Amino acid sequence: MSSIIKPEGARYEIAIDGTPRTYRDFDTLARQTAALLKAAQPHSEITVRDLWTGKVTVIEGPLSI
């Protein structure tokens, strides 16, 4: 029997210039949202962080999804 419990709630955090702005449940939705934000704010750093693993992905442009 395993005692590992996955946290409840959103798994992905989307940040603009290091400030968390929104959260999403699914990787695909998080990346699409981040790409839209990057298209709207091309000079800002947009990141997607997996809250379960800690992995951070920097969105370079709308096509980096």
PDB file of N, CA and C in Angstrom:
ATOM      1  N   MET A   1       0.845  -1.176   0.000  1.00  0.00           N
ATOM      2  CA  MET A   1       0.000   0.000   0.000  1.00  0.00           C
ATOM      3  C   MET A   1       0.885   1.232   0.000  1.00  0.00           C
ATOM      4  N   SER A   2       0.611   2.145  -0.891  1.00  0.00           N
ATOM      5  CA  SER A   2       1.410   3.356  -1.021  1.00  0.00           C
ATOM      6  C   SER A   2       0.774   4.506  -0.246  1.00  0.00           C
ATOM      7  N   SER A   3       1.602   5.304   0.383  1.00  0.00           N
ATOM      8  CA  SER A   3       1.094   6.447   1.140  1.00  0.00           C
ATOM      9  C   SER A   3       1.285   7.761   0.393  1.00  0.00           C
ATOM     10  N   ILE A   4       1.630   7.680  -0.902  1.00  0.00           N
ATOM     11  CA  ILE A   4       1.828   8.892  -1.695  1.00  0.00           C
ATOM     12  C   ILE A   4       0.476   9.472  -2.077  1.00  0.00           C
ATOM     13  N   ILE A   5       0.261  10.727  -1.726  1.00  0.00           N
ATOM     14  CA  ILE A   5      -0.995  11.408  -2.034  1.00  0.00           C
ATOM     15  C   ILE A   5      -0.685  12.602  -2.919  1.00  0.00           C
ATOM     16  N   LYS A   6      -1.340  12.676  -4.062  1.00  0.00           N
ATOM     17  CA  LYS A   6      -1.162  13.822  -4.951  1.00  0.00           C
ATOM     18  C   LYS A   6      -1.971  14.994  -4.411  1.00  0.00           C
ATOM     19  N   PRO A   7      -1.414  16.199  -4.470  1.00  0.00           N
ATOM     20  CA  PRO A   7      -2.143  17.357  -3.961  1.00  0.00           C
ATOM     21  C   PRO A   7      -3.385  17.645  -4.804  1.00  0.00           C
ATOM     22  N   GLU A   8      -4.387  18.193  -4.159  1.00  0.00           N
ATOM     23  CA  GLU A   8      -5.609  18.554  -4.848  1.00  0.00           C
ATOM     24  C   GLU A   8      -5.471  19.938  -5.466  1.00  0.00           C
ATOM     25  N   GLY A   9      -6.328  20.232  -6.411  1.00  0.00           N
ATOM     26  CA  GLY A   9      -6.336  21.553  -7.018  1.00  0.00           C
ATOM     27  C   GLY A   9      -5.522  21.592  -8.289  1.00  0.00           C
ATOM     28  N   ALA A  10      -5.267  22.795  -8.758  1.00  0.00           N
ATOM     29  CA  ALA A  10      -4.558  22.995 -10.013  1.00  0.00           C
ATOM     30  C   ALA A  10      -3.120  22.491  -9.922  1.00  0.00           C
ATOM     31  N   ARG A  11      -2.632  22.007 -11.046  1.00  0.00           N
ATOM     32  CA  ARG A  11      -1.280  21.457 -11.078  1.00  0.00           C
ATOM     33  C   ARG A  11      -0.279  22.427 -11.693  1.00  0.00           C
ATOM     34  N   TYR A  12      -0.713  23.322 -12.568  1.00  0.00           N
ATOM     35  CA  TYR A  12       0.203  24.192 -13.305  1.00  0.00           C
ATOM     36  C   TYR A  12      -0.036  25.659 -12.955  1.00  0.00           C
ATOM     37  N   GLU A  13       1.056  26.351 -12.683  1.00  0.00           N
ATOM     38  CA  GLU A  13       1.020  27.775 -12.351  1.00  0.00           C
ATOM     39  C   GLU A  13       1.594  28.549 -13.530  1.00  0.00           C
ATOM     40  N   ILE A  14       0.896  29.590 -13.970  1.00  0.00           N
ATOM     41  CA  ILE A  14       1.389  30.442 -15.039  1.00  0.00           C
ATOM     42  C   ILE A  14       1.776  31.778 -14.410  1.00  0.00           C
ATOM     43  N   ALA A  15       3.022  32.180 -14.649  1.00  0.00           N
ATOM     44  CA  ALA A  15       3.537  33.411 -14.056  1.00  0.00           C
ATOM     45  C   ALA A  15       3.967  34.385 -15.151  1.00  0.00           C
ATOM     46  N   ILE A  16       3.738  35.655 -14.890  1.00  0.00           N
ATOM     47  CA  ILE A  16       4.179  36.724 -15.777  1.00  0.00           C
ATOM     48  C   ILE A  16       5.243  37.510 -15.028  1.00  0.00           C
ATOM     49  N   ASP A  17       6.447  37.534 -15.572  1.00  0.00           N
ATOM     50  CA  ASP A  17       7.590  38.208 -14.945  1.00  0.00           C
ATOM     51  C   ASP A  17       7.790  37.783 -13.490  1.00  0.00           C
ATOM     52  N   GLY A  18       7.598  36.483 -13.236  1.00  0.00           N
ATOM     53  CA  GLY A  18       7.844  35.931 -11.912  1.00  0.00           C
ATOM     54  C   GLY A  18       6.689  36.007 -10.937  1.00  0.00           C
ATOM     55  N   THR A  19       5.599  36.671 -11.312  1.00  0.00           N
ATOM     56  CA  THR A  19       4.445  36.798 -10.435  1.00  0.00           C
ATOM     57  C   THR A  19       3.359  35.824 -10.877  1.00  0.00           C
ATOM     58  N   PRO A  20       2.957  34.892 -10.004  1.00  0.00           N
ATOM     59  CA  PRO A  20       1.898  33.952 -10.374  1.00  0.00           C
ATOM     60  C   PRO A  20       0.612  34.698 -10.709  1.00  0.00           C
ATOM     61  N   ARG A  21       0.017  34.348 -11.841  1.00  0.00           N
ATOM     62  CA  ARG A  21      -1.196  35.037 -12.280  1.00  0.00           C
ATOM     63  C   ARG A  21      -2.403  34.127 -12.407  1.00  0.00           C
ATOM     64  N   THR A  22      -2.200  32.860 -12.780  1.00  0.00           N
ATOM     65  CA  THR A  22      -3.318  31.957 -12.970  1.00  0.00           C
ATOM     66  C   THR A  22      -2.843  30.514 -12.824  1.00  0.00           C
ATOM     67  N   TYR A  23      -3.784  29.625 -12.649  1.00  0.00           N
ATOM     68  CA  TYR A  23      -3.486  28.208 -12.463  1.00  0.00           C
ATOM     69  C   TYR A  23      -4.375  27.382 -13.384  1.00  0.00           C
ATOM     70  N   ARG A  24      -3.857  26.261 -13.850  1.00  0.00           N
ATOM     71  CA  ARG A  24      -4.610  25.366 -14.728  1.00  0.00           C
ATOM     72  C   ARG A  24      -4.423  23.922 -14.268  1.00  0.00           C
ATOM     73  N   ASP A  25      -5.413  23.094 -14.611  1.00  0.00           N
ATOM     74  CA  ASP A  25      -5.395  21.680 -14.233  1.00  0.00           C
ATOM     75  C   ASP A  25      -4.615  20.814 -15.209  1.00  0.00           C
ATOM     76  N   PHE A  26      -4.611  21.181 -16.485  1.00  0.00           N
ATOM     77  CA  PHE A  26      -4.031  20.335 -17.519  1.00  0.00           C
ATOM     78  C   PHE A  26      -2.864  21.036 -18.211  1.00  0.00           C
ATOM     79  N   ASP A  27      -1.845  20.249 -18.562  1.00  0.00           N
ATOM     80  CA  ASP A  27      -0.647  20.765 -19.213  1.00  0.00           C
ATOM     81  C   ASP A  27      -0.975  21.489 -20.521  1.00  0.00           C
ATOM     82  N   THR A  28      -1.807  20.896 -21.341  1.00  0.00           N
ATOM     83  CA  THR A  28      -2.152  21.487 -22.636  1.00  0.00           C
ATOM     84  C   THR A  28      -2.810  22.851 -22.463  1.00  0.00           C
ATOM     85  N   LEU A  29      -3.740  22.947 -21.531  1.00  0.00           N
ATOM     86  CA  LEU A  29      -4.420  24.222 -21.299  1.00  0.00           C
ATOM     87  C   LEU A  29      -3.455  25.273 -20.738  1.00  0.00           C
ATOM     88  N   ALA A  30      -2.572  24.844 -19.876  1.00  0.00           N
ATOM     89  CA  ALA A  30      -1.600  25.777 -19.294  1.00  0.00           C
ATOM     90  C   ALA A  30      -0.678  26.341 -20.375  1.00  0.00           C
ATOM     91  N   ARG A  31      -0.196  25.477 -21.257  1.00  0.00           N
ATOM     92  CA  ARG A  31       0.710  25.917 -22.327  1.00  0.00           C
ATOM     93  C   ARG A  31      -0.010  26.806 -23.345  1.00  0.00           C
ATOM     94  N   GLN A  32      -1.253  26.483 -23.678  1.00  0.00           N
ATOM     95  CA  GLN A  32      -2.014  27.314 -24.609  1.00  0.00           C
ATOM     96  C   GLN A  32      -2.286  28.691 -24.003  1.00  0.00           C
ATOM     97  N   THR A  33      -2.642  28.711 -22.741  1.00  0.00           N
ATOM     98  CA  THR A  33      -2.878  29.982 -22.055  1.00  0.00           C
ATOM     99  C   THR A  33      -1.603  30.815 -22.006  1.00  0.00           C
ATOM    100  N   ALA A  34      -0.495  30.166 -21.695  1.00  0.00           N
ATOM    101  CA  ALA A  34       0.792  30.871 -21.645  1.00  0.00           C
ATOM    102  C   ALA A  34       1.174  31.425 -23.015  1.00  0.00           C
ATOM    103  N   ALA A  35       0.906  30.670 -24.074  1.00  0.00           N
ATOM    104  CA  ALA A  35       1.210  31.135 -25.434  1.00  0.00           C
ATOM    105  C   ALA A  35       0.372  32.358 -25.788  1.00  0.00           C
ATOM    106  N   LEU A  36      -0.888  32.368 -25.379  1.00  0.00           N
ATOM    107  CA  LEU A  36      -1.747  33.535 -25.628  1.00  0.00           C
ATOM    108  C   LEU A  36      -1.247  34.753 -24.850  1.00  0.00           C
ATOM    109  N   LEU A  37      -0.837  34.526 -23.615  1.00  0.00           N
ATOM    110  CA  LEU A  37      -0.281  35.624 -22.815  1.00  0.00           C
ATOM    111  C   LEU A  37       1.002  36.174 -23.452  1.00  0.00           C
ATOM    112  N   LYS A  38       1.853  35.274 -23.956  1.00  0.00           N
ATOM    113  CA  LYS A  38       3.106  35.696 -24.596  1.00  0.00           C
ATOM    114  C   LYS A  38       2.819  36.496 -25.860  1.00  0.00           C
ATOM    115  N   ALA A  39       1.793  36.115 -26.622  1.00  0.00           N
ATOM    116  CA  ALA A  39       1.423  36.866 -27.823  1.00  0.00           C
ATOM    117  C   ALA A  39       0.913  38.257 -27.460  1.00  0.00           C
ATOM    118  N   ALA A  40       0.198  38.357 -26.339  1.00  0.00           N
ATOM    119  CA  ALA A  40      -0.335  39.642 -25.906  1.00  0.00           C
ATOM    120  C   ALA A  40       0.723  40.517 -25.230  1.00  0.00           C
ATOM    121  N   GLN A  41       1.718  39.866 -24.601  1.00  0.00           N
ATOM    122  CA  GLN A  41       2.767  40.587 -23.873  1.00  0.00           C
ATOM    123  C   GLN A  41       4.123  40.025 -24.284  1.00  0.00           C
ATOM    124  N   PRO A  42       4.563  40.326 -25.501  1.00  0.00           N
ATOM    125  CA  PRO A  42       5.781  39.689 -26.032  1.00  0.00           C
ATOM    126  C   PRO A  42       7.068  40.023 -25.279  1.00  0.00           C
ATOM    127  N   HIS A  43       7.096  41.125 -24.539  1.00  0.00           N
ATOM    128  CA  HIS A  43       8.324  41.512 -23.836  1.00  0.00           C
ATOM    129  C   HIS A  43       8.368  41.001 -22.396  1.00  0.00           C
ATOM    130  N   SER A  44       7.313  40.322 -21.960  1.00  0.00           N
ATOM    131  CA  SER A  44       7.264  39.763 -20.612  1.00  0.00           C
ATOM    132  C   SER A  44       7.773  38.326 -20.617  1.00  0.00           C
ATOM    133  N   GLU A  45       8.314  37.896 -19.471  1.00  0.00           N
ATOM    134  CA  GLU A  45       8.724  36.499 -19.334  1.00  0.00           C
ATOM    135  C   GLU A  45       7.526  35.710 -18.813  1.00  0.00           C
ATOM    136  N   ILE A  46       7.077  34.747 -19.604  1.00  0.00           N
ATOM    137  CA  ILE A  46       5.947  33.910 -19.234  1.00  0.00           C
ATOM    138  C   ILE A  46       6.483  32.515 -18.918  1.00  0.00           C
ATOM    139  N   THR A  47       6.131  32.002 -17.745  1.00  0.00           N
ATOM    140  CA  THR A  47       6.589  30.667 -17.363  1.00  0.00           C
ATOM    141  C   THR A  47       5.409  29.808 -16.933  1.00  0.00           C
ATOM    142  N   VAL A  48       5.567  28.494 -17.137  1.00  0.00           N
ATOM    143  CA  VAL A  48       4.600  27.508 -16.668  1.00  0.00           C
ATOM    144  C   VAL A  48       5.358  26.594 -15.711  1.00  0.00           C
ATOM    145  N   ARG A  49       4.862  26.492 -14.479  1.00  0.00           N
ATOM    146  CA  ARG A  49       5.527  25.653 -13.474  1.00  0.00           C
ATOM    147  C   ARG A  49       4.602  24.519 -13.064  1.00  0.00           C
ATOM    148  N   ASP A  50       5.129  23.314 -13.114  1.00  0.00           N
ATOM    149  CA  ASP A  50       4.411  22.129 -12.658  1.00  0.00           C
ATOM    150  C   ASP A  50       4.542  22.108 -11.134  1.00  0.00           C
ATOM    151  N   LEU A  51       3.443  22.265 -10.447  1.00  0.00           N
ATOM    152  CA  LEU A  51       3.475  22.347  -8.988  1.00  0.00           C
ATOM    153  C   LEU A  51       3.777  21.008  -8.326  1.00  0.00           C
ATOM    154  N   TRP A  52       3.593  19.906  -9.035  1.00  0.00           N
ATOM    155  CA  TRP A  52       3.881  18.586  -8.465  1.00  0.00           C
ATOM    156  C   TRP A  52       5.355  18.259  -8.562  1.00  0.00           C
ATOM    157  N   THR A  53       6.004  18.627  -9.678  1.00  0.00           N
ATOM    158  CA  THR A  53       7.406  18.248  -9.875  1.00  0.00           C
ATOM    159  C   THR A  53       8.367  19.419  -9.689  1.00  0.00           C
ATOM    160  N   GLY A  54       7.873  20.651  -9.822  1.00  0.00           N
ATOM    161  CA  GLY A  54       8.721  21.825  -9.710  1.00  0.00           C
ATOM    162  C   GLY A  54       9.355  22.251 -11.032  1.00  0.00           C
ATOM    163  N   LYS A  55       9.111  21.513 -12.104  1.00  0.00           N
ATOM    164  CA  LYS A  55       9.694  21.832 -13.411  1.00  0.00           C
ATOM    165  C   LYS A  55       9.104  23.140 -13.940  1.00  0.00           C
ATOM    166  N   VAL A  56       9.998  24.037 -14.392  1.00  0.00           N
ATOM    167  CA  VAL A  56       9.580  25.331 -14.934  1.00  0.00           C
ATOM    168  C   VAL A  56       9.903  25.374 -16.416  1.00  0.00           C
ATOM    169  N   THR A  57       8.921  25.784 -17.221  1.00  0.00           N
ATOM    170  CA  THR A  57       9.093  25.931 -18.655  1.00  0.00           C
ATOM    171  C   THR A  57       8.911  27.403 -19.015  1.00  0.00           C
ATOM    172  N   VAL A  58       9.905  27.976 -19.681  1.00  0.00           N
ATOM    173  CA  VAL A  58       9.817  29.361 -20.136  1.00  0.00           C
ATOM    174  C   VAL A  58       9.212  29.354 -21.539  1.00  0.00           C
ATOM    175  N   ILE A  59       8.177  30.148 -21.725  1.00  0.00           N
ATOM    176  CA  ILE A  59       7.514  30.245 -23.026  1.00  0.00           C
ATOM    177  C   ILE A  59       8.248  31.307 -23.833  1.00  0.00           C
ATOM    178  N   GLU A  60       8.870  30.876 -24.927  1.00  0.00           N
ATOM    179  CA  GLU A  60       9.678  31.769 -25.759  1.00  0.00           C
ATOM    180  C   GLU A  60       8.848  32.557 -26.761  1.00  0.00           C
ATOM    181  N   GLY A  61       7.762  32.006 -27.190  1.00  0.00           N
ATOM    182  CA  GLY A  61       6.908  32.663 -28.179  1.00  0.00           C
ATOM    183  C   GLY A  61       5.637  31.872 -28.330  1.00  0.00           C
ATOM    184  N   PRO A  62       4.685  32.396 -29.073  1.00  0.00           N
ATOM    185  CA  PRO A  62       3.410  31.704 -29.245  1.00  0.00           C
ATOM    186  C   PRO A  62       3.557  30.309 -29.859  1.00  0.00           C
ATOM    187  N   LEU A  63       4.636  30.054 -30.583  1.00  0.00           N
ATOM    188  CA  LEU A  63       4.801  28.754 -31.227  1.00  0.00           C
ATOM    189  C   LEU A  63       5.639  27.769 -30.415  1.00  0.00           C
ATOM    190  N   SER A  64       6.027  28.128 -29.181  1.00  0.00           N
ATOM    191  CA  SER A  64       6.859  27.229 -28.380  1.00  0.00           C
ATOM    192  C   SER A  64       6.036  26.258 -27.547  1.00  0.00           C
ATOM    193  N   ILE A  65       4.770  26.129 -27.811  1.00  0.00           N
ATOM    194  CA  ILE A  65       3.922  25.200 -27.066  1.00  0.00           C
ATOM    195  C   ILE A  65       4.130  23.843 -27.637  1.00  0.00           C
TER     196      ILE A  65
END
